[in-house]
Amino acid sequence: RKSTRYMRYDLGITVRKKGLLKFSFLKHDEIPVKLVDISSRGIGVLITSDLQLSQNQKIFVSVRFRNFKEFEIPSTVMHKTSVDDAIMYGIKFDRISNTFANYLLKTQTKLSFK
């Protein structure tokens, strides 16, 4: 593990598929997910909907902060694990954004590490 993972309860997270057949510019294709942890390099989420993602699948992750600032990050599904009635996904951001990383750290009000 190369970066610190934070547990945040103040972020809104959605995912949407991308690709030739699943490509969409429409926001209504976004699926809300439950945040498990986040770092500047990736994110862990729980999905309880019917959305199925496969390993190495390319997706977009949208991260919304309390002040409605939003980052849309091209990402890749690295692994998935069944957890009760949900699936936990480990998702790696395709590129590191210093702007996102700095904003993530700047808006951290309560330090909770995983």
N, C-alpha and C. Protein backbone atom coordinates (compact mmCIF):
# COMPACT_ATOMS: atom_id res chain seq x y z
N ARG A 1 0.85 -1.17 0.00
CA ARG A 1 0.00 0.00 0.00
C ARG A 1 0.89 1.23 0.00
N LYS A 2 0.64 2.13 -0.95
CA LYS A 2 1.51 3.28 -1.13
C LYS A 2 0.92 4.58 -0.62
N SER A 3 -0.33 4.60 -0.20
CA SER A 3 -0.93 5.84 0.28
C SER A 3 -1.86 5.56 1.44
N THR A 4 -2.08 6.59 2.25
CA THR A 4 -2.95 6.47 3.41
C THR A 4 -4.41 6.48 2.96
N ARG A 5 -5.18 5.53 3.47
CA ARG A 5 -6.61 5.47 3.17
C ARG A 5 -7.37 6.14 4.30
N TYR A 6 -8.28 7.03 3.93
CA TYR A 6 -9.08 7.77 4.90
C TYR A 6 -10.52 7.27 4.86
N MET A 7 -11.13 7.27 6.02
CA MET A 7 -12.56 6.97 6.12
C MET A 7 -13.27 8.32 6.17
N ARG A 8 -14.12 8.59 5.18
CA ARG A 8 -14.82 9.87 5.10
C ARG A 8 -16.31 9.62 5.07
N TYR A 9 -17.04 10.47 5.80
CA TYR A 9 -18.49 10.33 5.84
C TYR A 9 -19.19 11.53 5.23
N ASP A 10 -18.39 12.44 4.67
CA ASP A 10 -18.94 13.69 4.15
C ASP A 10 -18.88 13.78 2.63
N LEU A 11 -18.60 12.67 1.96
CA LEU A 11 -18.47 12.68 0.51
C LEU A 11 -19.60 11.91 -0.15
N GLY A 12 -20.05 12.40 -1.30
CA GLY A 12 -21.01 11.67 -2.12
C GLY A 12 -20.25 11.00 -3.26
N ILE A 13 -20.45 9.71 -3.43
CA ILE A 13 -19.72 8.96 -4.44
C ILE A 13 -20.71 8.29 -5.39
N THR A 14 -20.45 8.42 -6.69
CA THR A 14 -21.22 7.69 -7.69
C THR A 14 -20.23 7.08 -8.68
N VAL A 15 -20.67 6.00 -9.32
CA VAL A 15 -19.86 5.38 -10.37
C VAL A 15 -20.73 5.21 -11.62
N ARG A 16 -20.07 5.20 -12.77
CA ARG A 16 -20.76 4.86 -14.01
C ARG A 16 -19.77 4.16 -14.92
N LYS A 17 -20.31 3.24 -15.68
CA LYS A 17 -19.49 2.46 -16.60
C LYS A 17 -19.07 3.32 -17.78
N LYS A 18 -17.96 2.94 -18.39
CA LYS A 18 -17.57 3.54 -19.65
C LYS A 18 -17.08 2.45 -20.58
N GLY A 19 -17.05 2.72 -21.82
CA GLY A 19 -16.64 1.74 -22.82
C GLY A 19 -17.44 1.95 -24.10
N LEU A 20 -17.16 1.18 -25.11
CA LEU A 20 -17.81 1.38 -26.39
C LEU A 20 -19.32 1.21 -26.32
N LEU A 21 -19.78 0.15 -25.69
CA LEU A 21 -21.23 -0.10 -25.63
C LEU A 21 -21.90 0.55 -24.43
N LYS A 22 -21.14 0.82 -23.39
CA LYS A 22 -21.72 1.38 -22.17
C LYS A 22 -21.41 2.86 -22.01
N PHE A 23 -20.80 3.49 -23.02
CA PHE A 23 -20.38 4.87 -22.90
C PHE A 23 -21.60 5.78 -22.82
N SER A 24 -21.55 6.74 -21.93
CA SER A 24 -22.67 7.65 -21.77
C SER A 24 -22.19 8.97 -21.22
N PHE A 25 -22.71 10.04 -21.74
CA PHE A 25 -22.42 11.37 -21.21
C PHE A 25 -23.46 11.76 -20.16
N LEU A 26 -24.46 10.96 -19.98
CA LEU A 26 -25.59 11.32 -19.14
C LEU A 26 -25.35 11.01 -17.67
N LYS A 27 -25.64 11.99 -16.84
CA LYS A 27 -25.46 11.83 -15.40
C LYS A 27 -26.45 10.83 -14.80
N HIS A 28 -27.59 10.60 -15.46
CA HIS A 28 -28.58 9.68 -14.88
C HIS A 28 -28.08 8.23 -14.88
N ASP A 29 -26.98 7.97 -15.57
CA ASP A 29 -26.41 6.63 -15.57
C ASP A 29 -25.52 6.38 -14.35
N GLU A 30 -25.34 7.40 -13.52
CA GLU A 30 -24.51 7.25 -12.33
C GLU A 30 -25.26 6.46 -11.25
N ILE A 31 -24.52 5.59 -10.56
CA ILE A 31 -25.09 4.78 -9.49
C ILE A 31 -24.46 5.23 -8.17
N PRO A 32 -25.26 5.65 -7.19
CA PRO A 32 -24.70 6.01 -5.88
C PRO A 32 -24.15 4.76 -5.18
N VAL A 33 -23.02 4.91 -4.53
CA VAL A 33 -22.38 3.81 -3.81
C VAL A 33 -22.01 4.27 -2.41
N LYS A 34 -21.73 3.32 -1.54
CA LYS A 34 -21.33 3.64 -0.17
C LYS A 34 -19.80 3.62 -0.08
N LEU A 35 -19.25 4.72 0.40
CA LEU A 35 -17.81 4.84 0.54
C LEU A 35 -17.30 4.01 1.71
N VAL A 36 -16.27 3.21 1.47
CA VAL A 36 -15.60 2.46 2.53
C VAL A 36 -14.35 3.21 2.96
N ASP A 37 -13.50 3.57 1.99
CA ASP A 37 -12.31 4.37 2.26
C ASP A 37 -11.84 5.01 0.97
N ILE A 38 -10.98 6.03 1.11
CA ILE A 38 -10.52 6.77 -0.05
C ILE A 38 -9.10 7.25 0.17
N SER A 39 -8.34 7.33 -0.91
CA SER A 39 -7.00 7.92 -0.88
C SER A 39 -6.83 8.70 -2.18
N SER A 40 -5.66 9.28 -2.36
CA SER A 40 -5.40 10.01 -3.60
C SER A 40 -5.22 9.07 -4.78
N ARG A 41 -5.06 7.77 -4.51
CA ARG A 41 -4.80 6.80 -5.58
C ARG A 41 -5.98 5.88 -5.89
N GLY A 42 -6.98 5.83 -4.99
CA GLY A 42 -8.09 4.93 -5.24
C GLY A 42 -9.15 5.02 -4.17
N ILE A 43 -10.11 4.10 -4.28
CA ILE A 43 -11.28 4.16 -3.42
C ILE A 43 -11.82 2.75 -3.19
N GLY A 44 -12.39 2.53 -2.03
CA GLY A 44 -13.12 1.31 -1.74
C GLY A 44 -14.58 1.65 -1.58
N VAL A 45 -15.47 0.92 -2.27
CA VAL A 45 -16.90 1.20 -2.20
C VAL A 45 -17.70 -0.08 -2.04
N LEU A 46 -18.88 0.06 -1.47
CA LEU A 46 -19.87 -1.02 -1.38
C LEU A 46 -21.00 -0.70 -2.34
N ILE A 47 -21.39 -1.68 -3.13
CA ILE A 47 -22.50 -1.51 -4.06
C ILE A 47 -23.57 -2.53 -3.72
N THR A 48 -24.78 -2.02 -3.45
CA THR A 48 -25.89 -2.91 -3.10
C THR A 48 -26.91 -3.01 -4.23
N SER A 49 -26.69 -2.28 -5.32
CA SER A 49 -27.63 -2.32 -6.44
C SER A 49 -27.30 -3.51 -7.35
N ASP A 50 -28.00 -3.60 -8.46
CA ASP A 50 -27.76 -4.67 -9.42
C ASP A 50 -26.55 -4.41 -10.31
N LEU A 51 -25.90 -3.27 -10.14
CA LEU A 51 -24.74 -2.94 -10.96
C LEU A 51 -23.64 -3.97 -10.72
N GLN A 52 -23.17 -4.57 -11.78
CA GLN A 52 -22.08 -5.54 -11.71
C GLN A 52 -20.87 -4.98 -12.44
N LEU A 53 -19.75 -4.94 -11.77
CA LEU A 53 -18.50 -4.50 -12.37
C LEU A 53 -17.53 -5.66 -12.38
N SER A 54 -16.72 -5.75 -13.41
CA SER A 54 -15.75 -6.83 -13.49
C SER A 54 -14.35 -6.29 -13.26
N GLN A 55 -13.45 -7.19 -12.89
CA GLN A 55 -12.07 -6.81 -12.67
C GLN A 55 -11.49 -6.22 -13.95
N ASN A 56 -10.71 -5.15 -13.82
CA ASN A 56 -10.07 -4.42 -14.92
C ASN A 56 -11.05 -3.60 -15.76
N GLN A 57 -12.31 -3.52 -15.34
CA GLN A 57 -13.28 -2.72 -16.08
C GLN A 57 -13.00 -1.23 -15.85
N LYS A 58 -13.11 -0.45 -16.92
CA LYS A 58 -12.91 1.00 -16.86
C LYS A 58 -14.23 1.66 -16.48
N ILE A 59 -14.17 2.58 -15.51
CA ILE A 59 -15.36 3.28 -15.03
C ILE A 59 -14.99 4.74 -14.75
N PHE A 60 -16.00 5.55 -14.45
CA PHE A 60 -15.81 6.89 -13.93
C PHE A 60 -16.28 6.89 -12.49
N VAL A 61 -15.50 7.51 -11.60
CA VAL A 61 -15.90 7.72 -10.21
C VAL A 61 -16.10 9.22 -10.03
N SER A 62 -17.26 9.62 -9.53
CA SER A 62 -17.51 11.03 -9.20
C SER A 62 -17.47 11.18 -7.69
N VAL A 63 -16.66 12.13 -7.24
CA VAL A 63 -16.53 12.42 -5.81
C VAL A 63 -17.06 13.83 -5.59
N ARG A 64 -18.11 13.95 -4.75
CA ARG A 64 -18.72 15.24 -4.45
C ARG A 64 -18.47 15.60 -2.99
N PHE A 65 -17.99 16.81 -2.78
CA PHE A 65 -17.73 17.31 -1.44
C PHE A 65 -18.93 18.08 -0.93
N ARG A 66 -18.94 18.42 0.37
CA ARG A 66 -20.08 19.12 0.98
C ARG A 66 -20.42 20.44 0.30
N ASN A 67 -19.39 21.11 -0.22
CA ASN A 67 -19.62 22.40 -0.87
C ASN A 67 -19.99 22.23 -2.35
N PHE A 68 -20.29 21.00 -2.75
CA PHE A 68 -20.73 20.62 -4.10
C PHE A 68 -19.59 20.64 -5.13
N LYS A 69 -18.37 20.83 -4.70
CA LYS A 69 -17.23 20.69 -5.61
C LYS A 69 -17.16 19.21 -5.99
N GLU A 70 -16.96 18.95 -7.28
CA GLU A 70 -17.00 17.57 -7.77
C GLU A 70 -15.78 17.26 -8.64
N PHE A 71 -15.26 16.06 -8.47
CA PHE A 71 -14.18 15.55 -9.30
C PHE A 71 -14.69 14.29 -9.98
N GLU A 72 -14.55 14.20 -11.30
CA GLU A 72 -14.87 12.98 -12.02
C GLU A 72 -13.55 12.34 -12.45
N ILE A 73 -13.31 11.12 -11.97
CA ILE A 73 -12.00 10.50 -12.10
C ILE A 73 -12.10 9.20 -12.90
N PRO A 74 -11.42 9.12 -14.05
CA PRO A 74 -11.36 7.84 -14.77
C PRO A 74 -10.65 6.81 -13.89
N SER A 75 -11.21 5.61 -13.80
CA SER A 75 -10.72 4.61 -12.85
C SER A 75 -10.82 3.20 -13.41
N THR A 76 -10.21 2.26 -12.68
CA THR A 76 -10.23 0.85 -13.06
C THR A 76 -10.58 0.00 -11.85
N VAL A 77 -11.50 -0.96 -12.02
CA VAL A 77 -11.84 -1.89 -10.95
C VAL A 77 -10.69 -2.88 -10.79
N MET A 78 -10.13 -2.96 -9.59
CA MET A 78 -8.99 -3.83 -9.35
C MET A 78 -9.40 -5.18 -8.74
N HIS A 79 -10.38 -5.15 -7.83
CA HIS A 79 -10.83 -6.41 -7.22
C HIS A 79 -12.23 -6.21 -6.64
N LYS A 80 -12.89 -7.34 -6.37
CA LYS A 80 -14.21 -7.29 -5.74
C LYS A 80 -14.35 -8.45 -4.78
N THR A 81 -15.14 -8.22 -3.72
CA THR A 81 -15.37 -9.20 -2.67
C THR A 81 -16.82 -9.13 -2.22
N SER A 82 -17.46 -10.25 -2.02
CA SER A 82 -18.83 -10.26 -1.49
C SER A 82 -18.80 -9.97 0.00
N VAL A 83 -19.68 -9.06 0.42
CA VAL A 83 -19.81 -8.68 1.83
C VAL A 83 -21.30 -8.62 2.15
N ASP A 84 -21.81 -9.62 2.87
CA ASP A 84 -23.24 -9.69 3.20
C ASP A 84 -24.07 -9.58 1.92
N ASP A 85 -24.95 -8.56 1.85
CA ASP A 85 -25.82 -8.39 0.68
C ASP A 85 -25.25 -7.41 -0.34
N ALA A 86 -23.96 -7.13 -0.24
CA ALA A 86 -23.35 -6.14 -1.13
C ALA A 86 -22.06 -6.71 -1.71
N ILE A 87 -21.48 -5.96 -2.62
CA ILE A 87 -20.17 -6.30 -3.17
C ILE A 87 -19.24 -5.12 -2.90
N MET A 88 -18.08 -5.41 -2.33
CA MET A 88 -17.09 -4.38 -2.08
C MET A 88 -16.10 -4.38 -3.24
N TYR A 89 -15.87 -3.20 -3.80
CA TYR A 89 -14.97 -3.05 -4.93
C TYR A 89 -13.77 -2.21 -4.52
N GLY A 90 -12.59 -2.63 -4.93
CA GLY A 90 -11.38 -1.83 -4.82
C GLY A 90 -11.13 -1.20 -6.18
N ILE A 91 -11.10 0.11 -6.22
CA ILE A 91 -11.01 0.84 -7.48
C ILE A 91 -9.78 1.74 -7.46
N LYS A 92 -8.98 1.64 -8.50
CA LYS A 92 -7.77 2.44 -8.62
C LYS A 92 -8.02 3.58 -9.60
N PHE A 93 -7.64 4.81 -9.19
CA PHE A 93 -7.74 5.94 -10.11
C PHE A 93 -6.69 5.78 -11.20
N ASP A 94 -7.07 6.05 -12.45
CA ASP A 94 -6.17 5.84 -13.58
C ASP A 94 -4.98 6.81 -13.58
N ARG A 95 -5.16 7.96 -13.01
CA ARG A 95 -4.03 8.89 -12.87
C ARG A 95 -4.20 9.65 -11.57
N ILE A 96 -3.08 10.05 -11.01
CA ILE A 96 -3.09 10.79 -9.75
C ILE A 96 -3.25 12.27 -10.07
N SER A 97 -4.24 12.89 -9.43
CA SER A 97 -4.48 14.32 -9.59
C SER A 97 -4.03 15.03 -8.32
N ASN A 98 -3.01 15.86 -8.43
CA ASN A 98 -2.56 16.62 -7.26
C ASN A 98 -3.64 17.56 -6.76
N THR A 99 -4.43 18.11 -7.67
CA THR A 99 -5.53 18.99 -7.28
C THR A 99 -6.53 18.24 -6.41
N PHE A 100 -6.91 17.04 -6.84
CA PHE A 100 -7.84 16.22 -6.06
C PHE A 100 -7.22 15.81 -4.73
N ALA A 101 -5.97 15.34 -4.75
CA ALA A 101 -5.30 14.89 -3.52
C ALA A 101 -5.20 16.03 -2.50
N ASN A 102 -4.83 17.20 -2.96
CA ASN A 102 -4.72 18.35 -2.05
C ASN A 102 -6.08 18.76 -1.50
N TYR A 103 -7.11 18.72 -2.34
CA TYR A 103 -8.45 19.08 -1.88
C TYR A 103 -8.99 18.05 -0.90
N LEU A 104 -8.71 16.79 -1.16
CA LEU A 104 -9.13 15.72 -0.26
C LEU A 104 -8.53 15.92 1.13
N LEU A 105 -7.25 16.26 1.18
CA LEU A 105 -6.57 16.48 2.45
C LEU A 105 -7.03 17.77 3.11
N LYS A 106 -7.21 18.82 2.32
CA LYS A 106 -7.62 20.12 2.86
C LYS A 106 -8.99 20.08 3.50
N THR A 107 -9.89 19.26 2.97
CA THR A 107 -11.26 19.21 3.48
C THR A 107 -11.46 18.16 4.57
N GLN A 108 -10.41 17.43 4.90
CA GLN A 108 -10.48 16.41 5.95
C GLN A 108 -10.61 17.12 7.30
N THR A 109 -11.75 16.93 7.96
CA THR A 109 -11.96 17.60 9.25
C THR A 109 -11.68 16.67 10.43
N LYS A 110 -11.94 15.42 10.26
CA LYS A 110 -11.70 14.44 11.33
C LYS A 110 -10.82 13.34 10.74
N LEU A 111 -9.66 13.15 11.31
CA LEU A 111 -8.73 12.16 10.77
C LEU A 111 -9.12 10.77 11.23
N SER A 112 -9.58 9.97 10.30
CA SER A 112 -9.89 8.56 10.55
C SER A 112 -9.17 7.74 9.51
N PHE A 113 -8.22 6.96 9.94
CA PHE A 113 -7.41 6.16 9.02
C PHE A 113 -7.88 4.72 9.04
N LYS A 114 -7.63 4.03 7.94
CA LYS A 114 -7.94 2.61 7.89
C LYS A 114 -6.66 1.85 7.77
